[in-house]
C-alpha atoms as a PDB file:
ATOM      1  CA  MET A   1     141.677 190.233 227.629  1.00  0.00           C
ATOM      2  CA  PRO A   2     143.132 186.471 228.460  1.00  0.00           C
ATOM      3  CA  SER A   3     144.439 184.498 226.002  1.00  0.00           C
ATOM      4  CA  TRP A   4     145.714 181.208 225.366  1.00  0.00           C
ATOM      5  CA  THR A   5     147.144 179.298 222.512  1.00  0.00           C
ATOM      6  CA  ILE A   6     147.878 175.294 220.998  1.00  0.00           C
ATOM      7  CA  ALA A   7     150.722 175.394 219.076  1.00  0.00           C
ATOM      8  CA  THR A   8     152.053 172.468 217.219  1.00  0.00           C
ATOM      9  CA  GLU A   9     154.747 171.916 214.399  1.00  0.00           C
ATOM     10  CA  CYS A  10     156.010 169.166 212.400  1.00  0.00           C
ATOM     11  CA  VAL A  11     158.199 168.915 209.660  1.00  0.00           C
ATOM     12  CA  ILE A  12     156.627 167.392 206.206  1.00  0.00           C
ATOM     13  CA  ASP A  13     158.511 165.600 203.289  1.00  0.00           C
ATOM     14  CA  ALA A  14     156.534 166.891 200.603  1.00  0.00           C
ATOM     15  CA  PRO A  15     156.209 169.961 198.451  1.00  0.00           C
ATOM     16  CA  ALA A  16     154.129 172.860 199.853  1.00  0.00           C
ATOM     17  CA  PRO A  17     151.637 173.231 196.735  1.00  0.00           C
ATOM     18  CA  ARG A  18     150.983 169.512 197.684  1.00  0.00           C
ATOM     19  CA  ILE A  19     150.061 170.509 201.319  1.00  0.00           C
ATOM     20  CA  TRP A  20     148.333 173.172 200.160  1.00  0.00           C
ATOM     21  CA  ARG A  21     146.128 171.788 198.115  1.00  0.00           C
ATOM     22  CA  ILE A  22     145.008 169.308 200.954  1.00  0.00           C
ATOM     23  CA  LEU A  23     144.400 171.886 203.339  1.00  0.00           C
ATOM     24  CA  CYS A  24     142.140 173.806 200.846  1.00  0.00           C
ATOM     25  CA  GLU A  25     139.967 170.841 199.594  1.00  0.00           C
ATOM     26  CA  ALA A  26     137.195 171.192 202.423  1.00  0.00           C
ATOM     27  CA  LYS A  27     135.188 168.339 200.921  1.00  0.00           C
ATOM     28  CA  ASP A  28     138.161 166.218 201.856  1.00  0.00           C
ATOM     29  CA  TYR A  29     138.637 166.732 205.102  1.00  0.00           C
ATOM     30  CA  THR A  30     136.649 163.549 206.509  1.00  0.00           C
ATOM     31  CA  ARG A  31     139.088 161.462 204.528  1.00  0.00           C
ATOM     32  CA  TRP A  32     142.037 162.348 206.588  1.00  0.00           C
ATOM     33  CA  ASN A  33     141.551 165.123 209.153  1.00  0.00           C
ATOM     34  CA  PRO A  34     140.829 163.758 212.630  1.00  0.00           C
ATOM     35  CA  PHE A  35     139.722 166.976 214.238  1.00  0.00           C
ATOM     36  CA  ILE A  36     137.574 168.601 211.957  1.00  0.00           C
ATOM     37  CA  GLN A  37     134.929 165.931 210.858  1.00  0.00           C
ATOM     38  CA  GLU A  38     132.914 167.732 208.152  1.00  0.00           C
ATOM     39  CA  LEU A  39     133.884 171.165 206.597  1.00  0.00           C
ATOM     40  CA  GLN A  40     131.307 173.183 204.743  1.00  0.00           C
ATOM     41  CA  GLY A  41     132.276 176.185 202.526  1.00  0.00           C
ATOM     42  CA  SER A  42     135.030 177.594 200.572  1.00  0.00           C
ATOM     43  CA  LEU A  43     138.462 178.426 202.049  1.00  0.00           C
ATOM     44  CA  ARG A  44     138.958 181.883 200.285  1.00  0.00           C
ATOM     45  CA  VAL A  45     139.244 184.955 201.980  1.00  0.00           C
ATOM     46  CA  GLY A  46     136.227 186.352 203.352  1.00  0.00           C
ATOM     47  CA  ALA A  47     134.246 183.195 202.879  1.00  0.00           C
ATOM     48  CA  ARG A  48     132.013 181.823 205.829  1.00  0.00           C
ATOM     49  CA  ILE A  49     132.808 178.310 206.485  1.00  0.00           C
ATOM     50  CA  THR A  50     130.722 176.020 208.866  1.00  0.00           C
ATOM     51  CA  PHE A  51     132.816 172.716 210.830  1.00  0.00           C
ATOM     52  CA  ARG A  52     131.889 169.805 212.795  1.00  0.00           C
ATOM     53  CA  PHE A  53     134.992 168.957 215.420  1.00  0.00           C
ATOM     54  CA  ASP A  54     135.650 166.550 217.849  1.00  0.00           C
ATOM     55  CA  ILE A  55     138.114 166.921 220.500  1.00  0.00           C
ATOM     56  CA  ARG A  56     138.511 163.592 222.209  1.00  0.00           C
ATOM     57  CA  GLY A  57     134.863 163.282 222.665  1.00  0.00           C
ATOM     58  CA  LEU A  58     133.979 166.813 222.781  1.00  0.00           C
ATOM     59  CA  ARG A  59     131.537 167.203 219.653  1.00  0.00           C
ATOM     60  CA  ALA A  60     130.377 170.600 218.380  1.00  0.00           C
ATOM     61  CA  TRP A  61     129.441 172.546 215.215  1.00  0.00           C
ATOM     62  CA  ALA A  62     131.048 175.798 214.910  1.00  0.00           C
ATOM     63  CA  SER A  63     131.391 178.563 212.129  1.00  0.00           C
ATOM     64  CA  ALA A  64     134.039 180.655 211.100  1.00  0.00           C
ATOM     65  CA  ARG A  65     135.194 183.643 208.615  1.00  0.00           C
ATOM     66  CA  VAL A  66     138.140 182.619 206.782  1.00  0.00           C
ATOM     67  CA  LEU A  67     140.850 185.698 207.328  1.00  0.00           C
ATOM     68  CA  VAL A  68     143.844 184.687 205.344  1.00  0.00           C
ATOM     69  CA  ALA A  69     144.450 182.223 202.240  1.00  0.00           C
ATOM     70  CA  ARG A  70     147.703 183.070 201.310  1.00  0.00           C
ATOM     71  CA  ASP A  71     148.952 180.564 198.474  1.00  0.00           C
ATOM     72  CA  GLU A  72     151.163 177.617 199.854  1.00  0.00           C
ATOM     73  CA  ARG A  73     151.952 179.348 202.981  1.00  0.00           C
ATOM     74  CA  GLU A  74     149.039 180.324 205.076  1.00  0.00           C
ATOM     75  CA  LEU A  75     145.327 179.156 205.743  1.00  0.00           C
ATOM     76  CA  ARG A  76     143.596 181.098 208.820  1.00  0.00           C
ATOM     77  CA  TRP A  77     140.225 181.291 210.131  1.00  0.00           C
ATOM     78  CA  ALA A  78     138.650 183.011 213.147  1.00  0.00           C
ATOM     79  CA  GLY A  79     135.000 182.287 214.731  1.00  0.00           C
ATOM     80  CA  HIS A  80     133.403 183.644 217.990  1.00  0.00           C
ATOM     81  CA  LEU A  81     130.584 183.273 220.524  1.00  0.00           C
ATOM     82  CA  LEU A  82     128.474 185.880 220.649  1.00  0.00           C
ATOM     83  CA  PHE A  83     131.117 188.451 219.922  1.00  0.00           C
ATOM     84  CA  ASP A  84     135.060 188.490 220.240  1.00  0.00           C
ATOM     85  CA  ALA A  85     135.247 189.906 223.906  1.00  0.00           C
ATOM     86  CA  LEU A  86     133.641 186.727 225.342  1.00  0.00           C
ATOM     87  CA  PHE A  87     135.187 184.098 223.132  1.00  0.00           C
ATOM     88  CA  ARG A  88     137.262 184.017 219.832  1.00  0.00           C
ATOM     89  CA  ALA A  89     138.947 181.284 218.230  1.00  0.00           C
ATOM     90  CA  GLU A  90     141.483 182.003 215.318  1.00  0.00           C
ATOM     91  CA  HIS A  91     142.915 178.438 213.718  1.00  0.00           C
ATOM     92  CA  TYR A  92     146.070 178.893 211.732  1.00  0.00           C
ATOM     93  CA  HIS A  93     147.984 176.506 209.410  1.00  0.00           C
ATOM     94  CA  LEU A  94     151.447 177.978 208.055  1.00  0.00           C
ATOM     95  CA  ILE A  95     153.301 176.218 205.664  1.00  0.00           C
ATOM     96  CA  GLU A  96     157.204 177.341 205.668  1.00  0.00           C
ATOM     97  CA  PRO A  97     159.673 175.955 203.178  1.00  0.00           C
ATOM     98  CA  ARG A  98     162.739 174.011 204.145  1.00  0.00           C
ATOM     99  CA  PRO A  99     165.995 174.553 202.605  1.00  0.00           C
ATOM    100  CA  GLY A 100     166.589 171.783 200.171  1.00  0.00           C
ATOM    101  CA  SER A 101     163.068 170.294 200.290  1.00  0.00           C
ATOM    102  CA  GLY A 102     159.985 169.579 202.515  1.00  0.00           C
ATOM    103  CA  VAL A 103     158.335 172.446 204.762  1.00  0.00           C
ATOM    104  CA  ASN A 104     157.905 173.010 208.379  1.00  0.00           C
ATOM    105  CA  PHE A 105     154.105 172.760 209.004  1.00  0.00           C
ATOM    106  CA  ARG A 106     153.118 175.151 212.132  1.00  0.00           C
ATOM    107  CA  HIS A 107     149.330 174.362 213.056  1.00  0.00           C
ATOM    108  CA  GLY A 108     147.468 175.831 216.193  1.00  0.00           C
ATOM    109  CA  GLU A 109     144.587 177.842 217.735  1.00  0.00           C
ATOM    110  CA  ILE A 110     144.704 181.186 219.582  1.00  0.00           C
ATOM    111  CA  PHE A 111     141.791 181.375 221.909  1.00  0.00           C
ATOM    112  CA  SER A 112     140.857 184.941 223.331  1.00  0.00           C
ATOM    113  CA  GLY A 113     137.906 186.552 225.422  1.00  0.00           C
ATOM    114  CA  ALA A 114     136.511 186.266 228.529  1.00  0.00           C
ATOM    115  CA  LEU A 115     135.646 182.619 228.448  1.00  0.00           C
ATOM    116  CA  THR A 116     139.650 181.856 227.558  1.00  0.00           C
ATOM    117  CA  PRO A 117     140.360 180.437 231.242  1.00  0.00           C
ATOM    118  CA  LEU A 118     137.313 178.193 231.083  1.00  0.00           C
ATOM    119  CA  VAL A 119     138.218 176.685 227.510  1.00  0.00           C
ATOM    120  CA  ARG A 120     142.025 176.641 228.545  1.00  0.00           C
ATOM    121  CA  VAL A 121     140.535 174.106 231.934  1.00  0.00           C
ATOM    122  CA  LEU A 122     138.869 171.916 228.979  1.00  0.00           C
ATOM    123  CA  LEU A 123     141.455 171.804 226.437  1.00  0.00           C
ATOM    124  CA  ARG A 124     144.636 172.051 227.956  1.00  0.00           C
ATOM    125  CA  ARG A 125     144.886 168.016 228.148  1.00  0.00           C
ATOM    126  CA  LYS A 126     142.550 167.322 225.212  1.00  0.00           C
ATOM    127  CA  GLY A 127     143.422 169.943 222.971  1.00  0.00           C
ATOM    128  CA  PRO A 128     147.458 169.504 222.132  1.00  0.00           C
ATOM    129  CA  PRO A 129     147.330 165.879 221.220  1.00  0.00           C
ATOM    130  CA  VAL A 130     144.456 166.261 218.868  1.00  0.00           C
ATOM    131  CA  TYR A 131     146.327 169.205 216.974  1.00  0.00           C
ATOM    132  CA  GLU A 132     149.110 166.901 216.932  1.00  0.00           C
ATOM    133  CA  ALA A 133     147.124 164.138 215.330  1.00  0.00           C
ATOM    134  CA  VAL A 134     145.966 166.629 212.596  1.00  0.00           C
ATOM    135  CA  ASN A 135     149.887 167.013 211.941  1.00  0.00           C
ATOM    136  CA  ALA A 136     150.458 163.666 211.770  1.00  0.00           C
ATOM    137  CA  ALA A 137     147.570 162.860 209.314  1.00  0.00           C
ATOM    138  CA  LEU A 138     148.288 165.586 207.166  1.00  0.00           C
ATOM    139  CA  LYS A 139     151.986 164.527 207.030  1.00  0.00           C
ATOM    140  CA  ARG A 140     151.215 160.899 206.042  1.00  0.00           C
ATOM    141  CA  ARG A 141     148.633 162.071 203.166  1.00  0.00           C
ATOM    142  CA  ALA A 142     151.169 164.529 201.740  1.00  0.00           C
ATOM    143  CA  GLU A 143     154.174 162.135 202.075  1.00  0.00           C
ATOM    144  CA  ASN A 144     152.280 159.206 200.677  1.00  0.00           C
ATOM    145  CA  GLY A 145     151.599 161.295 197.521  1.00  0.00           C
ATOM    146  CA  THR A 146     147.869 160.666 197.551  1.00  0.00           C
ATOM    147  CA  GLU A 147     147.355 164.152 196.335  1.00  0.00           C
ATOM    148  CA  PRO A 148     148.966 165.368 192.991  1.00  0.00           C
END
C-alpha cells in the first residue's frame, strides 16, 4: 500500500503544558490555526471530530477519530475516505521537552492507501508550507503567552 508523509519540526520556547492546552482547545483553532479553519468535537481518545481545512485554496470538510491524546506529549487523529485501503490520513502533533526549557514540536501527516499517489501530486508543493505555517502560528501563540 503506497504511503507518503509530510513532516515538519520547530523549536518552541514555551512549556509543554501551554502548548498542549493550545492544541486541545478545539473551539480556539479559528483564532490561530491557518490550516484547520474550524474544528468541532472533543480532542479525547476515541472521539469523532469534524473539521474544515484549507491547504492554499484546496478547501474541504473532513472527519476523523482521535487515536492518541497523551497529556503534554502527543495528539493524533486519523480519517479515511470510504475505507483505509482506499485513502487514510493520520495527523500527528508531538511535543518533546528539550533539556533546559522549551520543546521540539513535530507535526505532520501520514497518508496511505491506493489514492496516496494522487494526493501526493496535489499536496507535494502546497502541503509542507501549510504545516510549517501551523508550526509558526503555534509558536507565536505559545511564546507570546496568550495562553496560561
